[in-house]
Amino acid sequence: MERKIDTEHWITVNKHSSVCIAAEGKLLYVDPFELPADAAPADVIFLTHSHFDHFSPQDIGKICKPDTLFVLPASMAREAAQTTAGHRVAAVAPGERGEAAGIPFEAVPAYNPNKPFHPRENNWVGYLLQVNGLRVYIAGDTDATQEAAAVRCDIAMLPIGGKYTMDGPEAAALTDRIRPRVVIPIHYGSVAGSPQDFDRFAAKVDPSVTVRRVI
């Protein structure tokens, strides 16, 4: 029998798309945003792209320590240079694989095919992390692209707020296609979308997939 995935004690979503993962004795943040002042320091900070609600120098400053490692799209490295000064930086392109503080990762393309907000040519990304014996996909700001549909993961964290990304029905269709064991919706209820998006999304996901509200 396949073991149940417990995300309660090691995956948190502070707000919007601000994800924190406790894994392999490390603390990983993805797109830290509106963090509390006493947020625990980061071993690795993954950034998906340069929009204010994903790249927040003020919030990064709350969790940086001298040995914090940054992983970010090469296309935003210059923009982030002041924030990351003095730190190790792994600048990645879509499709690249690497390792950060012992955590294997893959940079997955994140873009809008038919919207102006996240052009494919910007080379922004989401991340597929191998942590705690599981594959965790944090999609970033993307629509349901062919690259997203090719991801194989145990846990998927997908935007559902619409306008800037896929909406709830589109994210539900993507969930049914990639078949994670657990899906955690993000990017709704504050900067984009509404709190009610969760229920609309959950109602459309195949019942064999566990939907978790983490925000």
N, C-alpha and C. Protein backbone atom coordinates (compact mmCIF):
# COMPACT_ATOMS: atom_id res chain seq x y z
N MET A 1 0.85 -1.20 0.00
CA MET A 1 0.00 0.00 0.00
C MET A 1 0.88 1.24 0.00
N GLU A 2 0.55 2.21 -0.86
CA GLU A 2 1.32 3.44 -0.96
C GLU A 2 1.12 4.28 0.29
N ARG A 3 2.24 4.78 0.85
CA ARG A 3 2.12 5.54 2.09
C ARG A 3 1.49 6.90 1.83
N LYS A 4 0.75 7.35 2.82
CA LYS A 4 0.11 8.66 2.76
C LYS A 4 1.17 9.75 2.86
N ILE A 5 0.98 10.80 2.08
CA ILE A 5 1.91 11.92 2.14
C ILE A 5 1.42 12.93 3.17
N ASP A 6 2.24 13.20 4.17
CA ASP A 6 1.94 14.19 5.19
C ASP A 6 2.72 15.45 4.87
N THR A 7 2.02 16.52 4.53
CA THR A 7 2.70 17.78 4.22
C THR A 7 2.59 18.79 5.36
N GLU A 8 1.85 18.46 6.39
CA GLU A 8 1.49 19.45 7.40
C GLU A 8 2.70 20.04 8.11
N HIS A 9 3.71 19.25 8.35
CA HIS A 9 4.82 19.69 9.19
C HIS A 9 6.04 20.17 8.41
N TRP A 10 5.98 20.10 7.08
CA TRP A 10 7.18 20.51 6.35
C TRP A 10 6.94 21.37 5.12
N ILE A 11 5.69 21.57 4.71
CA ILE A 11 5.38 22.52 3.64
C ILE A 11 4.41 23.55 4.18
N THR A 12 4.78 24.82 4.06
CA THR A 12 3.88 25.90 4.44
C THR A 12 3.83 26.92 3.29
N VAL A 13 2.70 27.60 3.20
CA VAL A 13 2.55 28.71 2.27
C VAL A 13 2.21 29.93 3.09
N ASN A 14 3.14 30.88 3.13
CA ASN A 14 2.92 32.07 3.95
C ASN A 14 1.77 32.90 3.39
N LYS A 15 1.82 33.18 2.11
CA LYS A 15 0.80 33.97 1.43
C LYS A 15 1.08 33.91 -0.05
N HIS A 16 0.00 33.88 -0.83
CA HIS A 16 0.15 33.98 -2.29
C HIS A 16 0.95 32.78 -2.82
N SER A 17 2.18 32.99 -3.26
CA SER A 17 3.03 31.91 -3.75
C SER A 17 4.29 31.76 -2.93
N SER A 18 4.26 32.25 -1.71
CA SER A 18 5.43 32.24 -0.84
C SER A 18 5.49 30.91 -0.09
N VAL A 19 6.35 30.03 -0.54
CA VAL A 19 6.41 28.65 -0.06
C VAL A 19 7.65 28.45 0.81
N CYS A 20 7.50 27.69 1.88
CA CYS A 20 8.63 27.30 2.73
C CYS A 20 8.59 25.79 2.90
N ILE A 21 9.73 25.15 2.69
CA ILE A 21 9.83 23.70 2.77
C ILE A 21 10.98 23.33 3.70
N ALA A 22 10.69 22.52 4.69
CA ALA A 22 11.72 21.97 5.57
C ALA A 22 12.08 20.59 5.04
N ALA A 23 13.31 20.45 4.58
CA ALA A 23 13.69 19.21 3.89
C ALA A 23 15.15 18.89 4.12
N GLU A 24 15.44 17.63 4.41
CA GLU A 24 16.81 17.15 4.53
C GLU A 24 17.62 18.00 5.51
N GLY A 25 16.97 18.49 6.56
CA GLY A 25 17.65 19.33 7.54
C GLY A 25 17.90 20.74 7.07
N LYS A 26 17.31 21.12 5.94
CA LYS A 26 17.47 22.46 5.38
C LYS A 26 16.13 23.18 5.36
N LEU A 27 16.19 24.51 5.29
CA LEU A 27 14.99 25.31 5.14
C LEU A 27 15.06 26.02 3.79
N LEU A 28 14.09 25.69 2.93
CA LEU A 28 14.05 26.19 1.57
C LEU A 28 12.86 27.14 1.43
N TYR A 29 13.11 28.28 0.83
CA TYR A 29 12.03 29.22 0.51
C TYR A 29 11.91 29.35 -1.00
N VAL A 30 10.68 29.47 -1.48
CA VAL A 30 10.43 29.79 -2.88
C VAL A 30 9.62 31.08 -2.91
N ASP A 31 10.14 32.10 -3.57
CA ASP A 31 9.47 33.39 -3.72
C ASP A 31 8.98 33.96 -2.39
N PRO A 32 9.85 34.18 -1.41
CA PRO A 32 9.41 34.72 -0.12
C PRO A 32 8.73 36.08 -0.28
N PHE A 33 7.55 36.20 0.35
CA PHE A 33 6.73 37.40 0.15
C PHE A 33 5.86 37.62 1.39
N GLU A 34 5.90 38.83 1.92
CA GLU A 34 5.12 39.21 3.10
C GLU A 34 5.35 38.23 4.26
N LEU A 35 6.62 37.96 4.52
CA LEU A 35 6.99 37.08 5.62
C LEU A 35 6.88 37.81 6.95
N PRO A 36 6.63 37.08 8.04
CA PRO A 36 6.68 37.71 9.36
C PRO A 36 8.11 38.11 9.69
N ALA A 37 8.25 39.07 10.57
CA ALA A 37 9.58 39.58 10.92
C ALA A 37 10.47 38.51 11.54
N ASP A 38 9.86 37.52 12.18
CA ASP A 38 10.65 36.49 12.86
C ASP A 38 10.75 35.20 12.04
N ALA A 39 10.59 35.30 10.74
CA ALA A 39 10.72 34.11 9.88
C ALA A 39 12.09 33.48 10.04
N ALA A 40 12.14 32.16 10.05
CA ALA A 40 13.40 31.44 10.24
C ALA A 40 14.32 31.65 9.04
N PRO A 41 15.64 31.68 9.25
CA PRO A 41 16.57 31.94 8.15
C PRO A 41 16.61 30.82 7.12
N ALA A 42 16.92 31.19 5.91
CA ALA A 42 16.89 30.28 4.77
C ALA A 42 18.26 29.67 4.49
N ASP A 43 18.27 28.39 4.18
CA ASP A 43 19.46 27.78 3.62
C ASP A 43 19.53 28.01 2.11
N VAL A 44 18.37 27.93 1.46
CA VAL A 44 18.28 28.18 0.02
C VAL A 44 17.05 29.02 -0.26
N ILE A 45 17.19 30.01 -1.12
CA ILE A 45 16.06 30.80 -1.61
C ILE A 45 15.96 30.58 -3.12
N PHE A 46 14.85 30.00 -3.54
CA PHE A 46 14.56 29.81 -4.97
C PHE A 46 13.66 30.96 -5.42
N LEU A 47 14.02 31.59 -6.50
CA LEU A 47 13.20 32.65 -7.09
C LEU A 47 12.75 32.22 -8.47
N THR A 48 11.47 32.46 -8.77
CA THR A 48 10.93 32.02 -10.06
C THR A 48 11.01 33.11 -11.12
N HIS A 49 10.80 34.37 -10.71
CA HIS A 49 10.88 35.48 -11.66
C HIS A 49 10.88 36.79 -10.89
N SER A 50 10.91 37.90 -11.62
CA SER A 50 11.23 39.18 -11.00
C SER A 50 10.04 40.04 -10.61
N HIS A 51 8.81 39.58 -10.77
CA HIS A 51 7.67 40.39 -10.36
C HIS A 51 7.67 40.60 -8.85
N PHE A 52 7.11 41.72 -8.42
CA PHE A 52 7.24 42.15 -7.02
C PHE A 52 6.70 41.14 -6.02
N ASP A 53 5.68 40.37 -6.41
CA ASP A 53 5.08 39.42 -5.49
C ASP A 53 5.82 38.08 -5.47
N HIS A 54 6.95 38.02 -6.16
CA HIS A 54 7.79 36.82 -6.17
C HIS A 54 9.24 37.16 -5.83
N PHE A 55 9.66 38.34 -6.21
CA PHE A 55 11.01 38.81 -5.88
C PHE A 55 10.87 40.04 -5.00
N SER A 56 10.97 39.84 -3.69
CA SER A 56 10.79 40.92 -2.71
C SER A 56 12.06 41.08 -1.90
N PRO A 57 12.92 42.02 -2.26
CA PRO A 57 14.17 42.20 -1.52
C PRO A 57 13.94 42.42 -0.02
N GLN A 58 12.87 43.11 0.33
CA GLN A 58 12.58 43.34 1.75
C GLN A 58 12.38 42.02 2.49
N ASP A 59 11.62 41.12 1.90
CA ASP A 59 11.37 39.84 2.55
C ASP A 59 12.60 38.94 2.52
N ILE A 60 13.34 39.00 1.43
CA ILE A 60 14.58 38.23 1.37
C ILE A 60 15.52 38.65 2.49
N GLY A 61 15.56 39.97 2.77
CA GLY A 61 16.42 40.46 3.84
C GLY A 61 16.08 39.90 5.21
N LYS A 62 14.82 39.52 5.41
CA LYS A 62 14.40 38.97 6.71
C LYS A 62 14.97 37.57 6.96
N ILE A 63 15.30 36.84 5.89
CA ILE A 63 15.66 35.43 6.05
C ILE A 63 17.06 35.10 5.58
N CYS A 64 17.78 36.09 5.09
CA CYS A 64 19.14 35.83 4.61
C CYS A 64 20.11 35.63 5.77
N LYS A 65 21.01 34.70 5.61
CA LYS A 65 22.16 34.55 6.50
C LYS A 65 23.40 34.48 5.63
N PRO A 66 24.58 34.55 6.18
CA PRO A 66 25.78 34.65 5.34
C PRO A 66 25.94 33.53 4.32
N ASP A 67 25.48 32.32 4.66
CA ASP A 67 25.69 31.21 3.74
C ASP A 67 24.44 30.83 2.95
N THR A 68 23.42 31.70 2.93
CA THR A 68 22.23 31.44 2.13
C THR A 68 22.60 31.36 0.66
N LEU A 69 22.08 30.34 -0.01
CA LEU A 69 22.30 30.15 -1.44
C LEU A 69 21.06 30.58 -2.19
N PHE A 70 21.26 31.28 -3.30
CA PHE A 70 20.16 31.68 -4.17
C PHE A 70 20.15 30.83 -5.44
N VAL A 71 18.96 30.41 -5.85
CA VAL A 71 18.76 29.80 -7.15
C VAL A 71 17.74 30.66 -7.88
N LEU A 72 18.09 31.13 -9.06
CA LEU A 72 17.20 32.06 -9.76
C LEU A 72 17.43 31.97 -11.27
N PRO A 73 16.46 32.45 -12.05
CA PRO A 73 16.65 32.45 -13.50
C PRO A 73 17.83 33.34 -13.90
N ALA A 74 18.64 32.85 -14.80
CA ALA A 74 19.77 33.65 -15.26
C ALA A 74 19.30 34.98 -15.83
N SER A 75 18.10 35.02 -16.37
CA SER A 75 17.58 36.24 -16.99
C SER A 75 17.29 37.34 -15.98
N MET A 76 17.22 37.01 -14.67
CA MET A 76 17.00 38.05 -13.67
C MET A 76 18.21 38.24 -12.76
N ALA A 77 19.32 37.63 -13.08
CA ALA A 77 20.49 37.69 -12.21
C ALA A 77 20.99 39.13 -12.03
N ARG A 78 21.00 39.91 -13.08
CA ARG A 78 21.48 41.29 -12.97
C ARG A 78 20.52 42.11 -12.11
N GLU A 79 19.23 41.92 -12.30
CA GLU A 79 18.23 42.65 -11.53
C GLU A 79 18.32 42.33 -10.04
N ALA A 80 18.72 41.10 -9.73
CA ALA A 80 18.80 40.66 -8.34
C ALA A 80 20.19 40.85 -7.74
N ALA A 81 21.12 41.41 -8.50
CA ALA A 81 22.53 41.44 -8.08
C ALA A 81 22.73 42.16 -6.76
N GLN A 82 22.04 43.27 -6.54
CA GLN A 82 22.23 43.99 -5.29
C GLN A 82 21.71 43.18 -4.11
N THR A 83 20.58 42.52 -4.31
CA THR A 83 19.98 41.73 -3.23
C THR A 83 20.82 40.50 -2.89
N THR A 84 21.44 39.91 -3.90
CA THR A 84 22.18 38.67 -3.69
C THR A 84 23.67 38.91 -3.47
N ALA A 85 24.11 40.16 -3.43
CA ALA A 85 25.53 40.46 -3.28
C ALA A 85 26.12 39.79 -2.05
N GLY A 86 27.26 39.15 -2.23
CA GLY A 86 27.93 38.48 -1.14
C GLY A 86 27.46 37.07 -0.89
N HIS A 87 26.49 36.62 -1.66
CA HIS A 87 25.94 35.27 -1.50
C HIS A 87 26.26 34.42 -2.72
N ARG A 88 26.24 33.11 -2.53
CA ARG A 88 26.38 32.20 -3.65
C ARG A 88 25.09 32.22 -4.47
N VAL A 89 25.23 32.25 -5.78
CA VAL A 89 24.08 32.32 -6.68
C VAL A 89 24.22 31.26 -7.76
N ALA A 90 23.17 30.45 -7.93
CA ALA A 90 23.10 29.50 -9.04
C ALA A 90 22.07 30.06 -10.02
N ALA A 91 22.56 30.56 -11.14
CA ALA A 91 21.69 31.13 -12.17
C ALA A 91 21.37 30.04 -13.19
N VAL A 92 20.07 29.79 -13.40
CA VAL A 92 19.66 28.65 -14.20
C VAL A 92 18.79 29.09 -15.38
N ALA A 93 18.76 28.24 -16.38
CA ALA A 93 17.88 28.42 -17.53
C ALA A 93 16.80 27.34 -17.49
N PRO A 94 15.67 27.58 -18.13
CA PRO A 94 14.62 26.56 -18.17
C PRO A 94 15.15 25.23 -18.69
N GLY A 95 14.81 24.16 -18.00
CA GLY A 95 15.24 22.83 -18.39
C GLY A 95 16.51 22.36 -17.73
N GLU A 96 17.24 23.26 -17.08
CA GLU A 96 18.49 22.87 -16.43
C GLU A 96 18.24 22.14 -15.12
N ARG A 97 19.15 21.27 -14.77
CA ARG A 97 19.12 20.55 -13.50
C ARG A 97 20.32 20.96 -12.67
N GLY A 98 20.18 20.83 -11.37
CA GLY A 98 21.28 21.19 -10.49
C GLY A 98 21.05 20.64 -9.10
N GLU A 99 21.87 21.12 -8.18
CA GLU A 99 21.76 20.72 -6.78
C GLU A 99 22.05 21.93 -5.91
N ALA A 100 21.20 22.16 -4.92
CA ALA A 100 21.38 23.30 -4.01
C ALA A 100 21.33 22.79 -2.59
N ALA A 101 22.44 22.95 -1.87
CA ALA A 101 22.54 22.48 -0.48
C ALA A 101 22.14 21.01 -0.36
N GLY A 102 22.53 20.25 -1.37
CA GLY A 102 22.24 18.82 -1.37
C GLY A 102 20.87 18.46 -1.89
N ILE A 103 20.08 19.45 -2.32
CA ILE A 103 18.73 19.22 -2.82
C ILE A 103 18.75 19.22 -4.34
N PRO A 104 18.48 18.08 -4.99
CA PRO A 104 18.41 18.07 -6.46
C PRO A 104 17.19 18.87 -6.93
N PHE A 105 17.36 19.62 -8.02
CA PHE A 105 16.25 20.39 -8.56
C PHE A 105 16.33 20.44 -10.08
N GLU A 106 15.19 20.74 -10.67
CA GLU A 106 15.10 21.00 -12.10
C GLU A 106 14.33 22.30 -12.29
N ALA A 107 14.81 23.16 -13.18
CA ALA A 107 14.11 24.40 -13.51
C ALA A 107 13.14 24.11 -14.66
N VAL A 108 11.85 24.27 -14.39
CA VAL A 108 10.81 23.97 -15.37
C VAL A 108 10.33 25.28 -15.99
N PRO A 109 10.23 25.37 -17.32
CA PRO A 109 9.75 26.61 -17.93
C PRO A 109 8.41 27.05 -17.35
N ALA A 110 8.26 28.34 -17.12
CA ALA A 110 7.01 28.92 -16.60
C ALA A 110 6.68 30.15 -17.45
N TYR A 111 5.55 30.11 -18.13
CA TYR A 111 5.22 31.20 -19.04
C TYR A 111 3.74 31.15 -19.42
N ASN A 112 3.30 32.26 -20.04
CA ASN A 112 1.96 32.34 -20.62
C ASN A 112 2.06 32.24 -22.14
N PRO A 113 1.42 31.27 -22.76
CA PRO A 113 1.46 31.21 -24.22
C PRO A 113 0.70 32.35 -24.89
N ASN A 114 -0.40 32.81 -24.28
CA ASN A 114 -1.29 33.77 -24.95
C ASN A 114 -1.63 34.98 -24.09
N LYS A 115 -0.76 35.29 -23.12
CA LYS A 115 -0.94 36.47 -22.27
C LYS A 115 0.38 37.23 -22.24
N PRO A 116 0.34 38.52 -21.92
CA PRO A 116 1.57 39.32 -21.96
C PRO A 116 2.38 39.32 -20.67
N PHE A 117 1.90 38.67 -19.61
CA PHE A 117 2.49 38.87 -18.30
C PHE A 117 3.80 38.12 -18.07
N HIS A 118 3.91 36.92 -18.61
CA HIS A 118 5.08 36.07 -18.40
C HIS A 118 5.49 35.48 -19.75
N PRO A 119 6.12 36.29 -20.59
CA PRO A 119 6.49 35.81 -21.92
C PRO A 119 7.50 34.66 -21.86
N ARG A 120 7.37 33.74 -22.76
CA ARG A 120 8.28 32.59 -22.77
C ARG A 120 9.73 33.04 -22.93
N GLU A 121 9.94 34.10 -23.70
CA GLU A 121 11.31 34.54 -23.97
C GLU A 121 11.99 35.12 -22.73
N ASN A 122 11.26 35.39 -21.66
CA ASN A 122 11.88 35.86 -20.42
C ASN A 122 12.65 34.76 -19.69
N ASN A 123 12.39 33.52 -20.08
CA ASN A 123 13.10 32.37 -19.49
C ASN A 123 12.94 32.29 -17.98
N TRP A 124 11.72 32.55 -17.50
CA TRP A 124 11.41 32.38 -16.10
C TRP A 124 11.04 30.92 -15.82
N VAL A 125 10.99 30.55 -14.56
CA VAL A 125 10.90 29.12 -14.25
C VAL A 125 10.00 28.83 -13.04
N GLY A 126 9.62 27.56 -12.93
CA GLY A 126 9.18 26.95 -11.69
C GLY A 126 10.25 25.94 -11.32
N TYR A 127 10.05 25.22 -10.23
CA TYR A 127 11.07 24.27 -9.77
C TYR A 127 10.46 22.92 -9.42
N LEU A 128 11.16 21.89 -9.80
CA LEU A 128 10.84 20.53 -9.38
C LEU A 128 11.95 20.10 -8.43
N LEU A 129 11.61 19.98 -7.15
CA LEU A 129 12.58 19.67 -6.11
C LEU A 129 12.43 18.22 -5.66
N GLN A 130 13.55 17.59 -5.41
CA GLN A 130 13.53 16.24 -4.85
C GLN A 130 13.86 16.35 -3.37
N VAL A 131 12.83 16.25 -2.51
CA VAL A 131 12.99 16.49 -1.09
C VAL A 131 12.22 15.44 -0.28
N ASN A 132 12.81 15.05 0.83
CA ASN A 132 12.16 14.10 1.74
C ASN A 132 11.64 12.86 1.01
N GLY A 133 12.40 12.43 0.01
CA GLY A 133 12.02 11.24 -0.74
C GLY A 133 10.88 11.44 -1.72
N LEU A 134 10.51 12.70 -1.97
CA LEU A 134 9.38 13.01 -2.85
C LEU A 134 9.79 14.06 -3.89
N ARG A 135 9.04 14.10 -4.97
CA ARG A 135 9.24 15.10 -6.02
C ARG A 135 8.16 16.17 -5.86
N VAL A 136 8.60 17.39 -5.58
CA VAL A 136 7.69 18.50 -5.30
C VAL A 136 7.83 19.54 -6.41
N TYR A 137 6.73 19.84 -7.09
CA TYR A 137 6.72 20.80 -8.20
C TYR A 137 6.07 22.09 -7.75
N ILE A 138 6.85 23.18 -7.73
CA ILE A 138 6.32 24.52 -7.47
C ILE A 138 6.34 25.23 -8.81
N ALA A 139 5.16 25.45 -9.38
CA ALA A 139 5.08 25.77 -10.80
C ALA A 139 5.49 27.18 -11.16
N GLY A 140 5.46 28.13 -10.19
CA GLY A 140 5.70 29.52 -10.55
C GLY A 140 4.50 30.07 -11.30
N ASP A 141 4.67 31.23 -11.92
CA ASP A 141 3.57 31.87 -12.63
C ASP A 141 3.54 31.34 -14.06
N THR A 142 2.61 30.44 -14.30
CA THR A 142 2.55 29.78 -15.59
C THR A 142 1.12 29.41 -15.92
N ASP A 143 0.88 29.17 -17.18
CA ASP A 143 -0.35 28.53 -17.62
C ASP A 143 -0.10 27.03 -17.74
N ALA A 144 -1.10 26.32 -18.17
CA ALA A 144 -1.00 24.86 -18.31
C ALA A 144 -0.27 24.52 -19.61
N THR A 145 1.03 24.71 -19.62
CA THR A 145 1.84 24.53 -20.81
C THR A 145 2.18 23.05 -21.03
N GLN A 146 2.72 22.75 -22.18
CA GLN A 146 3.14 21.37 -22.46
C GLN A 146 4.28 20.94 -21.54
N GLU A 147 5.13 21.89 -21.14
CA GLU A 147 6.21 21.54 -20.22
C GLU A 147 5.68 21.22 -18.83
N ALA A 148 4.68 21.98 -18.39
CA ALA A 148 4.06 21.70 -17.09
C ALA A 148 3.36 20.34 -17.13
N ALA A 149 2.73 20.03 -18.25
CA ALA A 149 2.01 18.76 -18.38
C ALA A 149 2.95 17.57 -18.42
N ALA A 150 4.22 17.81 -18.71
CA ALA A 150 5.19 16.71 -18.77
C ALA A 150 5.83 16.41 -17.42
N VAL A 151 5.56 17.25 -16.42
CA VAL A 151 6.16 17.05 -15.09
C VAL A 151 5.57 15.81 -14.43
N ARG A 152 6.43 15.05 -13.78
CA ARG A 152 5.98 13.92 -12.98
C ARG A 152 6.40 14.17 -11.54
N CYS A 153 5.43 14.23 -10.64
CA CYS A 153 5.73 14.63 -9.27
C CYS A 153 4.78 13.95 -8.30
N ASP A 154 5.16 13.96 -7.04
CA ASP A 154 4.28 13.47 -5.97
C ASP A 154 3.39 14.58 -5.43
N ILE A 155 3.93 15.79 -5.37
CA ILE A 155 3.20 16.95 -4.86
C ILE A 155 3.32 18.06 -5.89
N ALA A 156 2.18 18.64 -6.27
CA ALA A 156 2.18 19.76 -7.21
C ALA A 156 1.62 20.99 -6.52
N MET A 157 2.30 22.10 -6.66
CA MET A 157 1.84 23.38 -6.13
C MET A 157 1.60 24.29 -7.34
N LEU A 158 0.31 24.49 -7.65
CA LEU A 158 -0.07 25.12 -8.91
C LEU A 158 -0.83 26.43 -8.66
N PRO A 159 -0.57 27.46 -9.48
CA PRO A 159 -1.35 28.70 -9.37
C PRO A 159 -2.76 28.48 -9.90
N ILE A 160 -3.74 29.11 -9.22
CA ILE A 160 -5.13 28.92 -9.65
C ILE A 160 -5.88 30.24 -9.78
N GLY A 161 -5.23 31.38 -9.58
CA GLY A 161 -5.92 32.66 -9.48
C GLY A 161 -6.40 33.26 -10.77
N GLY A 162 -5.95 32.73 -11.91
CA GLY A 162 -6.37 33.29 -13.18
C GLY A 162 -5.70 34.61 -13.49
N LYS A 163 -6.08 35.22 -14.58
CA LYS A 163 -5.56 36.47 -15.14
C LYS A 163 -4.08 36.37 -15.48
N TYR A 164 -3.21 36.27 -14.48
CA TYR A 164 -1.77 36.23 -14.74
C TYR A 164 -1.28 34.80 -14.97
N THR A 165 -2.08 33.82 -14.56
CA THR A 165 -1.70 32.40 -14.64
C THR A 165 -2.93 31.60 -15.07
N MET A 166 -2.80 30.28 -15.04
CA MET A 166 -3.98 29.45 -15.23
C MET A 166 -4.99 29.71 -14.12
N ASP A 167 -6.26 29.46 -14.43
CA ASP A 167 -7.29 29.60 -13.41
C ASP A 167 -7.62 28.23 -12.80
N GLY A 168 -8.61 28.19 -11.92
CA GLY A 168 -8.94 26.95 -11.23
C GLY A 168 -9.27 25.79 -12.14
N PRO A 169 -10.21 25.94 -13.08
CA PRO A 169 -10.52 24.83 -13.98
C PRO A 169 -9.32 24.38 -14.81
N GLU A 170 -8.51 25.33 -15.28
CA GLU A 170 -7.33 24.96 -16.05
C GLU A 170 -6.32 24.21 -15.19
N ALA A 171 -6.14 24.68 -13.96
CA ALA A 171 -5.21 24.00 -13.04
C ALA A 171 -5.74 22.62 -12.67
N ALA A 172 -7.05 22.48 -12.53
CA ALA A 172 -7.63 21.17 -12.22
C ALA A 172 -7.40 20.20 -13.37
N ALA A 173 -7.56 20.68 -14.60
CA ALA A 173 -7.31 19.83 -15.76
C ALA A 173 -5.85 19.42 -15.84
N LEU A 174 -4.94 20.33 -15.51
CA LEU A 174 -3.52 20.00 -15.48
C LEU A 174 -3.24 18.98 -14.38
N THR A 175 -3.85 19.15 -13.23
CA THR A 175 -3.69 18.20 -12.13
C THR A 175 -4.11 16.81 -12.56
N ASP A 176 -5.25 16.71 -13.22
CA ASP A 176 -5.73 15.40 -13.67
C ASP A 176 -4.81 14.79 -14.71
N ARG A 177 -4.10 15.64 -15.42
CA ARG A 177 -3.19 15.14 -16.45
C ARG A 177 -1.87 14.64 -15.86
N ILE A 178 -1.32 15.37 -14.88
CA ILE A 178 -0.02 14.96 -14.36
C ILE A 178 -0.13 14.01 -13.17
N ARG A 179 -1.33 13.94 -12.57
CA ARG A 179 -1.63 12.94 -11.55
C ARG A 179 -0.66 12.93 -10.36
N PRO A 180 -0.47 14.07 -9.68
CA PRO A 180 0.29 14.01 -8.44
C PRO A 180 -0.54 13.30 -7.37
N ARG A 181 0.10 12.90 -6.31
CA ARG A 181 -0.66 12.31 -5.20
C ARG A 181 -1.33 13.39 -4.36
N VAL A 182 -0.70 14.56 -4.29
CA VAL A 182 -1.23 15.70 -3.55
C VAL A 182 -1.08 16.94 -4.41
N VAL A 183 -2.10 17.80 -4.41
CA VAL A 183 -1.98 19.10 -5.08
C VAL A 183 -2.33 20.19 -4.07
N ILE A 184 -1.49 21.23 -4.05
CA ILE A 184 -1.66 22.37 -3.16
C ILE A 184 -1.79 23.62 -4.04
N PRO A 185 -2.97 24.24 -4.10
CA PRO A 185 -3.10 25.44 -4.93
C PRO A 185 -2.44 26.65 -4.27
N ILE A 186 -1.85 27.51 -5.11
CA ILE A 186 -1.20 28.74 -4.66
C ILE A 186 -1.59 29.86 -5.62
N HIS A 187 -1.11 31.07 -5.34
CA HIS A 187 -1.32 32.23 -6.22
C HIS A 187 -2.81 32.54 -6.39
N TYR A 188 -3.48 32.68 -5.25
CA TYR A 188 -4.89 33.08 -5.27
C TYR A 188 -5.23 33.72 -3.92
N GLY A 189 -6.27 34.52 -3.91
CA GLY A 189 -6.78 35.04 -2.65
C GLY A 189 -6.16 36.32 -2.15
N SER A 190 -5.12 36.83 -2.82
CA SER A 190 -4.54 38.10 -2.37
C SER A 190 -4.19 38.96 -3.59
N VAL A 191 -3.02 38.78 -4.16
CA VAL A 191 -2.63 39.58 -5.33
C VAL A 191 -3.48 39.24 -6.54
N ALA A 192 -3.87 37.98 -6.65
CA ALA A 192 -4.71 37.53 -7.77
C ALA A 192 -5.75 36.56 -7.23
N GLY A 193 -6.93 36.56 -7.87
CA GLY A 193 -7.96 35.61 -7.50
C GLY A 193 -8.60 35.92 -6.16
N SER A 194 -9.41 35.00 -5.69
CA SER A 194 -10.14 35.18 -4.43
C SER A 194 -10.04 33.90 -3.60
N PRO A 195 -10.33 33.98 -2.29
CA PRO A 195 -10.29 32.77 -1.45
C PRO A 195 -11.22 31.67 -1.96
N GLN A 196 -12.30 32.05 -2.63
CA GLN A 196 -13.26 31.07 -3.14
C GLN A 196 -12.70 30.22 -4.28
N ASP A 197 -11.59 30.66 -4.85
CA ASP A 197 -10.98 29.89 -5.94
C ASP A 197 -10.61 28.49 -5.48
N PHE A 198 -10.26 28.34 -4.20
CA PHE A 198 -9.89 27.01 -3.71
C PHE A 198 -11.02 26.03 -3.90
N ASP A 199 -12.23 26.38 -3.48
CA ASP A 199 -13.36 25.46 -3.58
C ASP A 199 -13.70 25.14 -5.03
N ARG A 200 -13.63 26.15 -5.90
CA ARG A 200 -13.92 25.91 -7.32
C ARG A 200 -12.89 24.97 -7.93
N PHE A 201 -11.64 25.14 -7.52
CA PHE A 201 -10.58 24.26 -8.02
C PHE A 201 -10.77 22.84 -7.50
N ALA A 202 -10.94 22.71 -6.19
CA ALA A 202 -11.03 21.39 -5.56
C ALA A 202 -12.18 20.57 -6.11
N ALA A 203 -13.28 21.24 -6.44
CA ALA A 203 -14.46 20.53 -6.94
C ALA A 203 -14.23 19.89 -8.29
N LYS A 204 -13.24 20.37 -9.03
CA LYS A 204 -12.99 19.85 -10.38
C LYS A 204 -11.85 18.86 -10.46
N VAL A 205 -11.09 18.69 -9.38
CA VAL A 205 -9.96 17.76 -9.40
C VAL A 205 -10.47 16.33 -9.19
N ASP A 206 -9.89 15.40 -9.91
CA ASP A 206 -10.27 14.00 -9.75
C ASP A 206 -10.13 13.59 -8.28
N PRO A 207 -11.12 12.89 -7.72
CA PRO A 207 -11.08 12.53 -6.30
C PRO A 207 -9.90 11.67 -5.90
N SER A 208 -9.23 11.04 -6.84
CA SER A 208 -8.08 10.23 -6.50
C SER A 208 -6.87 11.05 -6.08
N VAL A 209 -6.91 12.36 -6.37
CA VAL A 209 -5.83 13.28 -5.98
C VAL A 209 -6.25 14.02 -4.72
N THR A 210 -5.39 14.05 -3.73
CA THR A 210 -5.68 14.76 -2.48
C THR A 210 -5.41 16.25 -2.67
N VAL A 211 -6.43 17.08 -2.42
CA VAL A 211 -6.29 18.53 -2.51
C VAL A 211 -6.12 19.09 -1.11
N ARG A 212 -5.05 19.86 -0.90
CA ARG A 212 -4.79 20.40 0.44
C ARG A 212 -4.82 21.92 0.40
N ARG A 213 -5.49 22.50 1.37
CA ARG A 213 -5.47 23.96 1.55
C ARG A 213 -4.38 24.27 2.57
N VAL A 214 -3.32 24.93 2.14
CA VAL A 214 -2.19 25.21 3.01
C VAL A 214 -2.12 26.69 3.37
N ILE A 215 -2.59 27.56 2.51
CA ILE A 215 -2.53 29.00 2.80
C ILE A 215 -3.39 29.29 4.01
